[in-house]
Amino acid sequence: MEHSKLLDFLSSLQLLFVGFIPAAILGILLGSAIGINPLLYKLCKRLLQIPHSIPPIALVPIAFIFFREVEVAASMVVFFSTIWSIIINTATGMRKSRLQDNNFRVAINYIFDALRTGLWIAWFTVIAIEMLTVGKGLGFFIWNGYRGGNYNNIIEGVIYIGAIGFFLDQLLDITGSILAQLVSEGQKS
């Protein structure tokens, strides 16, 4: 991988992780709190679908109004596009875990499904934002390839994007499976 492609690769990963990791941490914490409280769960179950229903790209202009700096705005869009899915799925998992006599394996499976879904949303958002605004990253690399008629760059960029997405998805899947196996079913809190 040549130097400029490596920088685009690293730029995309940086944007992904700066938006995704805080969303994952906060989403799991909030989702857990919502899921273990039946009243809060009933209240938030439908309410959280509202921000979850907004396509991430629609948030880009709003982020630029509030944050003005491109990288901060892009990170915030990744964060806000990701957090709702993680909160909702974690809350559902915690709720189902409680209903199954605190079966933490259920909660872990839901949390890691939430993280995998959130990661997919975040990765999609990163690439789209890079194509539209950032001026660097794999999304920009592909868009530049299109504008310059360099179809090899487009294909190469898509392969990188797919490989990264697949690797991160599998990493979360394997980690979730290992944790679920370590926790015995029906473990009491």
C-alpha atoms as a PDB file:
ATOM      1  CA  MET A   1       0.000   0.000   0.000  1.00  0.00           C
ATOM      2  CA  GLU A   2       1.558   3.290  -1.030  1.00  0.00           C
ATOM      3  CA  HIS A   3       1.931   6.240   1.356  1.00  0.00           C
ATOM      4  CA  SER A   4      -1.177   8.238   0.296  1.00  0.00           C
ATOM      5  CA  LYS A   5      -3.399   5.144   0.432  1.00  0.00           C
ATOM      6  CA  LEU A   6      -2.030   4.311   3.869  1.00  0.00           C
ATOM      7  CA  LEU A   7      -2.884   7.829   5.055  1.00  0.00           C
ATOM      8  CA  ASP A   8      -6.418   7.493   3.628  1.00  0.00           C
ATOM      9  CA  PHE A   9      -6.751   4.092   5.332  1.00  0.00           C
ATOM     10  CA  LEU A  10      -5.593   5.520   8.693  1.00  0.00           C
ATOM     11  CA  SER A  11      -7.788   8.609   8.304  1.00  0.00           C
ATOM     12  CA  SER A  12     -10.883   6.466   7.771  1.00  0.00           C
ATOM     13  CA  LEU A  13     -10.093   4.282  10.777  1.00  0.00           C
ATOM     14  CA  GLN A  14      -9.473   7.345  12.932  1.00  0.00           C
ATOM     15  CA  LEU A  15     -12.822   8.876  11.990  1.00  0.00           C
ATOM     16  CA  LEU A  16     -14.528   5.528  12.585  1.00  0.00           C
ATOM     17  CA  PHE A  17     -13.060   4.952  16.026  1.00  0.00           C
ATOM     18  CA  VAL A  18     -13.364   8.573  17.239  1.00  0.00           C
ATOM     19  CA  GLY A  19     -17.111   8.408  16.544  1.00  0.00           C
ATOM     20  CA  PHE A  20     -17.828   4.741  17.243  1.00  0.00           C
ATOM     21  CA  ILE A  21     -15.975   4.032  20.499  1.00  0.00           C
ATOM     22  CA  PRO A  22     -17.660   6.779  22.574  1.00  0.00           C
ATOM     23  CA  ALA A  23     -21.033   5.818  21.039  1.00  0.00           C
ATOM     24  CA  ALA A  24     -20.417   2.172  21.955  1.00  0.00           C
ATOM     25  CA  ILE A  25     -19.471   2.954  25.555  1.00  0.00           C
ATOM     26  CA  LEU A  26     -22.277   5.439  26.162  1.00  0.00           C
ATOM     27  CA  GLY A  27     -24.772   3.326  24.197  1.00  0.00           C
ATOM     28  CA  ILE A  28     -24.068   0.217  26.280  1.00  0.00           C
ATOM     29  CA  LEU A  29     -24.297   2.163  29.539  1.00  0.00           C
ATOM     30  CA  LEU A  30     -27.554   3.920  28.622  1.00  0.00           C
ATOM     31  CA  GLY A  31     -29.026   0.798  27.017  1.00  0.00           C
ATOM     32  CA  SER A  32     -28.238  -1.238  30.120  1.00  0.00           C
ATOM     33  CA  ALA A  33     -29.831   1.335  32.406  1.00  0.00           C
ATOM     34  CA  ILE A  34     -32.927   1.480  30.213  1.00  0.00           C
ATOM     35  CA  GLY A  35     -33.168  -2.307  29.843  1.00  0.00           C
ATOM     36  CA  ILE A  36     -33.107  -3.088  33.564  1.00  0.00           C
ATOM     37  CA  ASN A  37     -35.824  -0.552  34.390  1.00  0.00           C
ATOM     38  CA  PRO A  38     -39.223  -1.749  33.071  1.00  0.00           C
ATOM     39  CA  LEU A  39     -40.857   1.690  33.204  1.00  0.00           C
ATOM     40  CA  LEU A  40     -37.928   3.415  31.512  1.00  0.00           C
ATOM     41  CA  TYR A  41     -37.810   0.640  28.908  1.00  0.00           C
ATOM     42  CA  LYS A  42     -41.486   1.137  28.000  1.00  0.00           C
ATOM     43  CA  LEU A  43     -40.991   4.890  27.777  1.00  0.00           C
ATOM     44  CA  CYS A  44     -37.811   4.786  25.692  1.00  0.00           C
ATOM     45  CA  LYS A  45     -38.681   1.821  23.472  1.00  0.00           C
ATOM     46  CA  ARG A  46     -40.609   3.941  20.979  1.00  0.00           C
ATOM     47  CA  LEU A  47     -39.109   7.323  21.772  1.00  0.00           C
ATOM     48  CA  LEU A  48     -35.585   6.303  20.758  1.00  0.00           C
ATOM     49  CA  GLN A  49     -36.835   5.136  17.370  1.00  0.00           C
ATOM     50  CA  ILE A  50     -37.251   8.807  16.387  1.00  0.00           C
ATOM     51  CA  PRO A  51     -33.539   9.737  16.267  1.00  0.00           C
ATOM     52  CA  HIS A  52     -32.710   6.203  15.104  1.00  0.00           C
ATOM     53  CA  SER A  53     -34.918   6.789  12.038  1.00  0.00           C
ATOM     54  CA  ILE A  54     -32.911   9.771  10.779  1.00  0.00           C
ATOM     55  CA  PRO A  55     -30.475   8.842   7.995  1.00  0.00           C
ATOM     56  CA  PRO A  56     -26.936   9.730   9.135  1.00  0.00           C
ATOM     57  CA  ILE A  57     -26.119  11.787   6.049  1.00  0.00           C
ATOM     58  CA  ALA A  58     -29.047  14.104   6.842  1.00  0.00           C
ATOM     59  CA  LEU A  59     -27.164  15.097   9.996  1.00  0.00           C
ATOM     60  CA  VAL A  60     -24.103  16.414   8.126  1.00  0.00           C
ATOM     61  CA  PRO A  61     -25.386  19.977   7.536  1.00  0.00           C
ATOM     62  CA  ILE A  62     -26.623  20.228  11.132  1.00  0.00           C
ATOM     63  CA  ALA A  63     -23.239  19.039  12.421  1.00  0.00           C
ATOM     64  CA  PHE A  64     -21.472  21.706  10.343  1.00  0.00           C
ATOM     65  CA  ILE A  65     -23.753  24.393  11.768  1.00  0.00           C
ATOM     66  CA  PHE A  66     -22.951  23.386  15.347  1.00  0.00           C
ATOM     67  CA  PHE A  67     -19.328  22.276  15.095  1.00  0.00           C
ATOM     68  CA  ARG A  68     -17.979  24.117  12.003  1.00  0.00           C
ATOM     69  CA  GLU A  69     -14.715  22.141  11.960  1.00  0.00           C
ATOM     70  CA  VAL A  70     -14.971  19.330   9.392  1.00  0.00           C
ATOM     71  CA  GLU A  71     -13.384  16.530  11.424  1.00  0.00           C
ATOM     72  CA  VAL A  72     -15.300  17.346  14.608  1.00  0.00           C
ATOM     73  CA  ALA A  73     -18.581  17.570  12.682  1.00  0.00           C
ATOM     74  CA  ALA A  74     -17.845  14.275  10.889  1.00  0.00           C
ATOM     75  CA  SER A  75     -17.015  12.531  14.183  1.00  0.00           C
ATOM     76  CA  MET A  76     -20.237  13.793  15.741  1.00  0.00           C
ATOM     77  CA  VAL A  77     -22.288  12.501  12.806  1.00  0.00           C
ATOM     78  CA  VAL A  78     -20.660   9.072  13.186  1.00  0.00           C
ATOM     79  CA  PHE A  79     -21.355   9.189  16.936  1.00  0.00           C
ATOM     80  CA  PHE A  80     -25.022  10.205  16.610  1.00  0.00           C
ATOM     81  CA  SER A  81     -25.711   7.818  13.753  1.00  0.00           C
ATOM     82  CA  THR A  82     -24.365   4.917  15.798  1.00  0.00           C
ATOM     83  CA  ILE A  83     -25.492   5.466  19.374  1.00  0.00           C
ATOM     84  CA  TRP A  84     -29.246   4.941  18.902  1.00  0.00           C
ATOM     85  CA  SER A  85     -28.903   1.456  17.479  1.00  0.00           C
ATOM     86  CA  ILE A  86     -26.558   0.457  20.293  1.00  0.00           C
ATOM     87  CA  ILE A  87     -28.852   1.870  22.995  1.00  0.00           C
ATOM     88  CA  ILE A  88     -31.976   0.217  21.563  1.00  0.00           C
ATOM     89  CA  ASN A  89     -30.420  -3.223  21.022  1.00  0.00           C
ATOM     90  CA  THR A  90     -28.600  -3.208  24.364  1.00  0.00           C
ATOM     91  CA  ALA A  91     -31.799  -2.216  26.189  1.00  0.00           C
ATOM     92  CA  THR A  92     -33.674  -5.028  24.434  1.00  0.00           C
ATOM     93  CA  GLY A  93     -30.951  -7.507  25.384  1.00  0.00           C
ATOM     94  CA  MET A  94     -30.903  -6.411  29.009  1.00  0.00           C
ATOM     95  CA  ARG A  95     -34.686  -6.598  29.162  1.00  0.00           C
ATOM     96  CA  LYS A  96     -34.763 -10.101  27.681  1.00  0.00           C
ATOM     97  CA  SER A  97     -31.929 -11.167  29.977  1.00  0.00           C
ATOM     98  CA  ARG A  98     -33.916 -10.014  33.028  1.00  0.00           C
ATOM     99  CA  LEU A  99     -37.044 -11.765  31.773  1.00  0.00           C
ATOM    100  CA  GLN A 100     -35.026 -14.977  31.403  1.00  0.00           C
ATOM    101  CA  ASP A 101     -33.901 -14.954  35.022  1.00  0.00           C
ATOM    102  CA  ASN A 102     -30.782 -12.819  34.441  1.00  0.00           C
ATOM    103  CA  ASN A 103     -29.393 -14.917  31.622  1.00  0.00           C
ATOM    104  CA  PHE A 104     -26.327 -12.793  30.894  1.00  0.00           C
ATOM    105  CA  ARG A 105     -25.516 -14.803  27.781  1.00  0.00           C
ATOM    106  CA  VAL A 106     -28.626 -13.282  26.181  1.00  0.00           C
ATOM    107  CA  ALA A 107     -27.498  -9.788  27.173  1.00  0.00           C
ATOM    108  CA  ILE A 108     -23.995 -10.341  25.799  1.00  0.00           C
ATOM    109  CA  ASN A 109     -25.352 -11.639  22.493  1.00  0.00           C
ATOM    110  CA  TYR A 110     -27.621  -8.606  22.124  1.00  0.00           C
ATOM    111  CA  ILE A 111     -24.876  -6.170  23.115  1.00  0.00           C
ATOM    112  CA  PHE A 112     -22.455  -7.584  20.563  1.00  0.00           C
ATOM    113  CA  ASP A 113     -25.160  -7.638  17.893  1.00  0.00           C
ATOM    114  CA  ALA A 114     -25.749  -3.977  18.796  1.00  0.00           C
ATOM    115  CA  LEU A 115     -22.040  -3.258  18.434  1.00  0.00           C
ATOM    116  CA  ARG A 116     -21.863  -5.042  15.089  1.00  0.00           C
ATOM    117  CA  THR A 117     -24.899  -3.136  13.776  1.00  0.00           C
ATOM    118  CA  GLY A 118     -23.527   0.116  15.175  1.00  0.00           C
ATOM    119  CA  LEU A 119     -20.150  -0.553  13.564  1.00  0.00           C
ATOM    120  CA  TRP A 120     -21.780  -1.170  10.187  1.00  0.00           C
ATOM    121  CA  ILE A 121     -23.735   2.086  10.466  1.00  0.00           C
ATOM    122  CA  ALA A 122     -20.609   3.957  11.579  1.00  0.00           C
ATOM    123  CA  TRP A 123     -18.477   2.525   8.749  1.00  0.00           C
ATOM    124  CA  PHE A 124     -21.133   3.351   6.153  1.00  0.00           C
ATOM    125  CA  THR A 125     -21.373   6.868   7.582  1.00  0.00           C
ATOM    126  CA  VAL A 126     -17.597   7.371   7.578  1.00  0.00           C
ATOM    127  CA  ILE A 127     -17.282   6.443   3.909  1.00  0.00           C
ATOM    128  CA  ALA A 128     -20.250   8.606   2.879  1.00  0.00           C
ATOM    129  CA  ILE A 129     -19.003  11.616   4.842  1.00  0.00           C
ATOM    130  CA  GLU A 130     -15.533  11.250   3.356  1.00  0.00           C
ATOM    131  CA  MET A 131     -17.043  11.266  -0.128  1.00  0.00           C
ATOM    132  CA  LEU A 132     -19.026  14.418   0.627  1.00  0.00           C
ATOM    133  CA  THR A 133     -16.911  16.586   2.872  1.00  0.00           C
ATOM    134  CA  VAL A 134     -13.721  15.431   4.546  1.00  0.00           C
ATOM    135  CA  GLY A 135     -11.247  15.526   1.645  1.00  0.00           C
ATOM    136  CA  LYS A 136      -9.334  12.457   2.805  1.00  0.00           C
ATOM    137  CA  GLY A 137      -9.960   8.841   3.699  1.00  0.00           C
ATOM    138  CA  LEU A 138     -11.048   5.823   1.688  1.00  0.00           C
ATOM    139  CA  GLY A 139     -14.377   7.389   0.747  1.00  0.00           C
ATOM    140  CA  PHE A 140     -12.548  10.386  -0.693  1.00  0.00           C
ATOM    141  CA  PHE A 141     -10.086   8.030  -2.412  1.00  0.00           C
ATOM    142  CA  ILE A 142     -12.970   6.306  -4.207  1.00  0.00           C
ATOM    143  CA  TRP A 143     -14.703   9.574  -5.072  1.00  0.00           C
ATOM    144  CA  ASN A 144     -11.461  11.011  -6.423  1.00  0.00           C
ATOM    145  CA  GLY A 145     -11.007   7.864  -8.493  1.00  0.00           C
ATOM    146  CA  TYR A 146     -14.456   8.395  -9.980  1.00  0.00           C
ATOM    147  CA  ARG A 147     -13.867  12.085 -10.709  1.00  0.00           C
ATOM    148  CA  GLY A 148     -10.489  11.333 -12.272  1.00  0.00           C
ATOM    149  CA  GLY A 149     -11.719   8.344 -14.257  1.00  0.00           C
ATOM    150  CA  ASN A 150      -9.349   6.023 -12.378  1.00  0.00           C
ATOM    151  CA  TYR A 151     -11.559   2.968 -12.035  1.00  0.00           C
ATOM    152  CA  ASN A 152      -8.754   0.892 -10.551  1.00  0.00           C
ATOM    153  CA  ASN A 153      -8.735   3.223  -7.518  1.00  0.00           C
ATOM    154  CA  ILE A 154     -12.479   2.795  -7.147  1.00  0.00           C
ATOM    155  CA  ILE A 155     -12.220  -1.007  -7.149  1.00  0.00           C
ATOM    156  CA  GLU A 156      -9.156  -0.981  -4.899  1.00  0.00           C
ATOM    157  CA  GLY A 157     -10.884   1.377  -2.447  1.00  0.00           C
ATOM    158  CA  VAL A 158     -14.018  -0.765  -2.352  1.00  0.00           C
ATOM    159  CA  ILE A 159     -11.889  -3.843  -1.630  1.00  0.00           C
ATOM    160  CA  TYR A 160     -10.146  -2.040   1.254  1.00  0.00           C
ATOM    161  CA  ILE A 161     -13.473  -0.846   2.648  1.00  0.00           C
ATOM    162  CA  GLY A 162     -14.997  -4.311   2.430  1.00  0.00           C
ATOM    163  CA  ALA A 163     -11.946  -5.988   3.990  1.00  0.00           C
ATOM    164  CA  ILE A 164     -11.860  -3.531   6.902  1.00  0.00           C
ATOM    165  CA  GLY A 165     -15.605  -3.838   7.505  1.00  0.00           C
ATOM    166  CA  PHE A 166     -15.434  -7.625   7.377  1.00  0.00           C
ATOM    167  CA  PHE A 167     -12.418  -7.794   9.701  1.00  0.00           C
ATOM    168  CA  LEU A 168     -13.976  -5.504  12.326  1.00  0.00           C
ATOM    169  CA  ASP A 169     -17.329  -7.312  12.124  1.00  0.00           C
ATOM    170  CA  GLN A 170     -15.663 -10.689  12.610  1.00  0.00           C
ATOM    171  CA  LEU A 171     -13.545  -9.346  15.475  1.00  0.00           C
ATOM    172  CA  LEU A 172     -16.698  -8.245  17.309  1.00  0.00           C
ATOM    173  CA  ASP A 173     -18.494 -11.497  16.458  1.00  0.00           C
ATOM    174  CA  ILE A 174     -15.665 -13.681  17.771  1.00  0.00           C
ATOM    175  CA  THR A 175     -15.217 -11.546  20.899  1.00  0.00           C
ATOM    176  CA  GLY A 176     -18.950 -11.706  21.626  1.00  0.00           C
ATOM    177  CA  SER A 177     -19.009 -15.469  21.120  1.00  0.00           C
ATOM    178  CA  ILE A 178     -16.071 -15.974  23.461  1.00  0.00           C
ATOM    179  CA  LEU A 179     -17.628 -13.780  26.165  1.00  0.00           C
ATOM    180  CA  ALA A 180     -20.995 -15.502  25.801  1.00  0.00           C
ATOM    181  CA  GLN A 181     -19.307 -18.892  26.252  1.00  0.00           C
ATOM    182  CA  LEU A 182     -17.508 -17.671  29.377  1.00  0.00           C
ATOM    183  CA  VAL A 183     -20.765 -16.640  31.028  1.00  0.00           C
ATOM    184  CA  SER A 184     -22.924 -19.491  32.227  1.00  0.00           C
ATOM    185  CA  GLU A 185     -26.604 -19.381  31.310  1.00  0.00           C
ATOM    186  CA  GLY A 186     -28.929 -18.233  34.057  1.00  0.00           C
ATOM    187  CA  GLN A 187     -26.114 -16.731  36.129  1.00  0.00           C
ATOM    188  CA  LYS A 188     -27.631 -14.679  38.917  1.00  0.00           C
ATOM    189  CA  SER A 189     -26.657 -11.080  39.541  1.00  0.00           C
END
